Amino acid sequence: QAEGIGPLRDALAREPFAWVRARVVEALAEIGGTDVHDDLHARVAGDPAEEVRTRALRGLARLAAPGTAALAEAALEKDERPAVRAEAARVLGLLQGTAAREALQRAAGGDEAVEVREAARAELRKLGE
């Protein structure tokens, strides 16, 4: 386990303020390594604050963590907050897989939020579509 992760995990588990959890997520992503992947995955899947979920997605993409594409695709399709779905579109654009392209196409054509449709279209343009 990388040095410094224990106290950050404790703060993530107990901190009531979303802005603090968001900073903790960023710190974990900066530390990196496989030790933090599960922590970030859990935040994307279950943190109540959209800022925490978006920063966790961003961190996972930067770390090229296994399972990030599937997690980002699920967030793009199911997260209730447009900001998280838009970030998921950006992450999928970075990952550039076939499944990512298909998820981006669905979001570009059918997401209810303009912000998400625009993010998905921008990523598709970067991918040459």
Protein backbone atom coordinates (compact mmCIF):
# COMPACT_ATOMS: atom_id res chain seq x y z
CA GLN A 1 0.00 0.00 0.00
CA ALA A 2 1.35 3.40 -1.00
CA GLU A 3 2.29 5.74 1.78
CA GLY A 4 -0.44 8.15 2.82
CA ILE A 5 -3.40 6.21 1.47
CA GLY A 6 -4.73 5.05 4.86
CA PRO A 7 -5.57 8.52 6.23
CA LEU A 8 -7.04 9.53 2.87
CA ARG A 9 -9.27 6.47 2.84
CA ASP A 10 -10.42 7.30 6.36
CA ALA A 11 -11.22 10.86 5.33
CA LEU A 12 -13.10 9.62 2.27
CA ALA A 13 -15.21 7.28 4.38
CA ARG A 14 -16.06 9.79 7.12
CA GLU A 15 -16.01 13.22 5.52
CA PRO A 16 -19.47 14.81 5.28
CA PHE A 17 -18.40 17.67 2.98
CA ALA A 18 -18.37 16.89 -0.74
CA TRP A 19 -15.66 19.43 -1.55
CA VAL A 20 -13.30 17.69 0.88
CA ARG A 21 -14.10 14.25 -0.56
CA ALA A 22 -13.45 15.67 -4.04
CA ARG A 23 -9.99 16.86 -2.97
CA VAL A 24 -9.29 13.49 -1.34
CA VAL A 25 -10.23 11.74 -4.58
CA GLU A 26 -7.81 14.01 -6.46
CA ALA A 27 -5.07 13.25 -3.94
CA LEU A 28 -5.63 9.51 -4.31
CA ALA A 29 -5.45 9.82 -8.09
CA GLU A 30 -2.21 11.79 -7.78
CA ILE A 31 -0.72 9.07 -5.58
CA GLY A 32 -1.84 6.55 -8.16
CA GLY A 33 -1.10 2.88 -8.25
CA THR A 34 -3.42 -0.07 -8.16
CA ASP A 35 -4.11 0.52 -4.46
CA VAL A 36 -6.39 3.46 -5.26
CA HIS A 37 -8.40 2.01 -8.15
CA ASP A 38 -11.07 0.43 -5.95
CA ASP A 39 -11.45 3.63 -3.91
CA LEU A 40 -12.03 5.68 -7.05
CA HIS A 41 -14.36 3.09 -8.57
CA ALA A 42 -16.45 3.13 -5.40
CA ARG A 43 -16.73 6.93 -5.53
CA VAL A 44 -17.90 6.92 -9.16
CA ALA A 45 -20.46 4.24 -8.41
CA GLY A 46 -21.77 5.54 -5.12
CA ASP A 47 -20.77 8.98 -3.91
CA PRO A 48 -23.81 11.26 -3.55
CA ALA A 49 -21.92 14.33 -4.82
CA GLU A 50 -21.51 14.86 -8.55
CA GLU A 51 -18.19 16.69 -8.12
CA VAL A 52 -16.74 13.66 -6.34
CA ARG A 53 -18.00 11.31 -9.05
CA THR A 54 -16.61 13.48 -11.86
CA ARG A 55 -13.20 13.81 -10.23
CA ALA A 56 -13.06 10.09 -9.55
CA LEU A 57 -13.82 9.38 -13.23
CA ARG A 58 -11.12 11.82 -14.28
CA GLY A 59 -8.63 10.19 -11.91
CA LEU A 60 -9.39 6.69 -13.15
CA ALA A 61 -8.90 7.80 -16.75
CA ARG A 62 -5.58 9.43 -15.91
CA LEU A 63 -4.45 6.23 -14.17
CA ALA A 64 -5.70 4.05 -17.05
CA ALA A 65 -7.30 1.87 -14.39
CA PRO A 66 -8.80 -1.46 -15.46
CA GLY A 67 -12.57 -1.32 -15.71
CA THR A 68 -12.68 2.42 -16.31
CA ALA A 69 -14.36 2.13 -19.71
CA ALA A 70 -17.21 0.01 -18.35
CA LEU A 71 -17.62 2.31 -15.35
CA ALA A 72 -17.62 5.42 -17.55
CA GLU A 73 -20.11 3.83 -19.93
CA ALA A 74 -22.43 3.01 -17.02
CA ALA A 75 -22.10 6.57 -15.71
CA LEU A 76 -22.82 7.99 -19.16
CA GLU A 77 -25.97 5.94 -19.48
CA LYS A 78 -27.28 5.97 -15.91
CA ASP A 79 -25.96 8.80 -13.76
CA GLU A 80 -28.70 11.24 -12.82
CA ARG A 81 -26.47 14.33 -13.10
CA PRO A 82 -25.59 15.80 -16.51
CA ALA A 83 -22.16 16.96 -15.29
CA VAL A 84 -21.19 13.38 -14.44
CA ARG A 85 -22.53 12.06 -17.74
CA ALA A 86 -20.60 14.76 -19.63
CA GLU A 87 -17.39 13.83 -17.78
CA ALA A 88 -18.05 10.17 -18.57
CA ALA A 89 -18.29 11.12 -22.26
CA ARG A 90 -14.92 12.89 -22.06
CA VAL A 91 -13.36 9.87 -20.34
CA LEU A 92 -14.75 7.51 -22.98
CA GLY A 93 -13.32 9.78 -25.68
CA LEU A 94 -9.90 9.41 -24.09
CA LEU A 95 -10.21 5.64 -23.91
CA GLN A 96 -11.23 5.31 -27.59
CA GLY A 97 -12.54 1.75 -27.60
CA THR A 98 -15.33 0.36 -29.77
CA ALA A 99 -17.72 0.18 -26.80
CA ALA A 100 -16.76 3.75 -25.89
CA ARG A 101 -17.56 4.95 -29.42
CA GLU A 102 -20.95 3.22 -29.36
CA ALA A 103 -21.83 4.70 -25.96
CA LEU A 104 -20.80 8.15 -27.20
CA GLN A 105 -22.96 7.77 -30.30
CA ARG A 106 -25.98 6.86 -28.15
CA ALA A 107 -25.40 9.83 -25.85
CA ALA A 108 -24.80 12.24 -28.75
CA GLY A 109 -28.13 11.33 -30.26
CA GLY A 110 -30.30 10.71 -27.28
CA ASP A 111 -29.23 12.18 -23.95
CA GLU A 112 -31.79 14.56 -22.48
CA ALA A 113 -29.14 17.10 -21.44
CA VAL A 114 -27.59 19.42 -24.03
CA GLU A 115 -24.33 19.45 -22.05
CA VAL A 116 -24.01 15.68 -22.38
CA ARG A 117 -24.94 15.58 -26.07
CA GLU A 118 -22.38 18.29 -26.82
CA ALA A 119 -19.65 16.53 -24.82
CA ALA A 120 -20.36 13.24 -26.60
CA ARG A 121 -20.34 14.93 -30.02
CA ALA A 122 -17.06 16.69 -29.23
CA GLU A 123 -15.44 13.40 -28.29
CA LEU A 124 -16.77 11.71 -31.41
CA ARG A 125 -15.27 14.51 -33.53
CA LYS A 126 -11.91 13.90 -31.84
CA LEU A 127 -12.28 10.25 -32.78
CA GLY A 128 -12.86 11.19 -36.40
CA GLU A 129 -16.63 10.89 -36.62
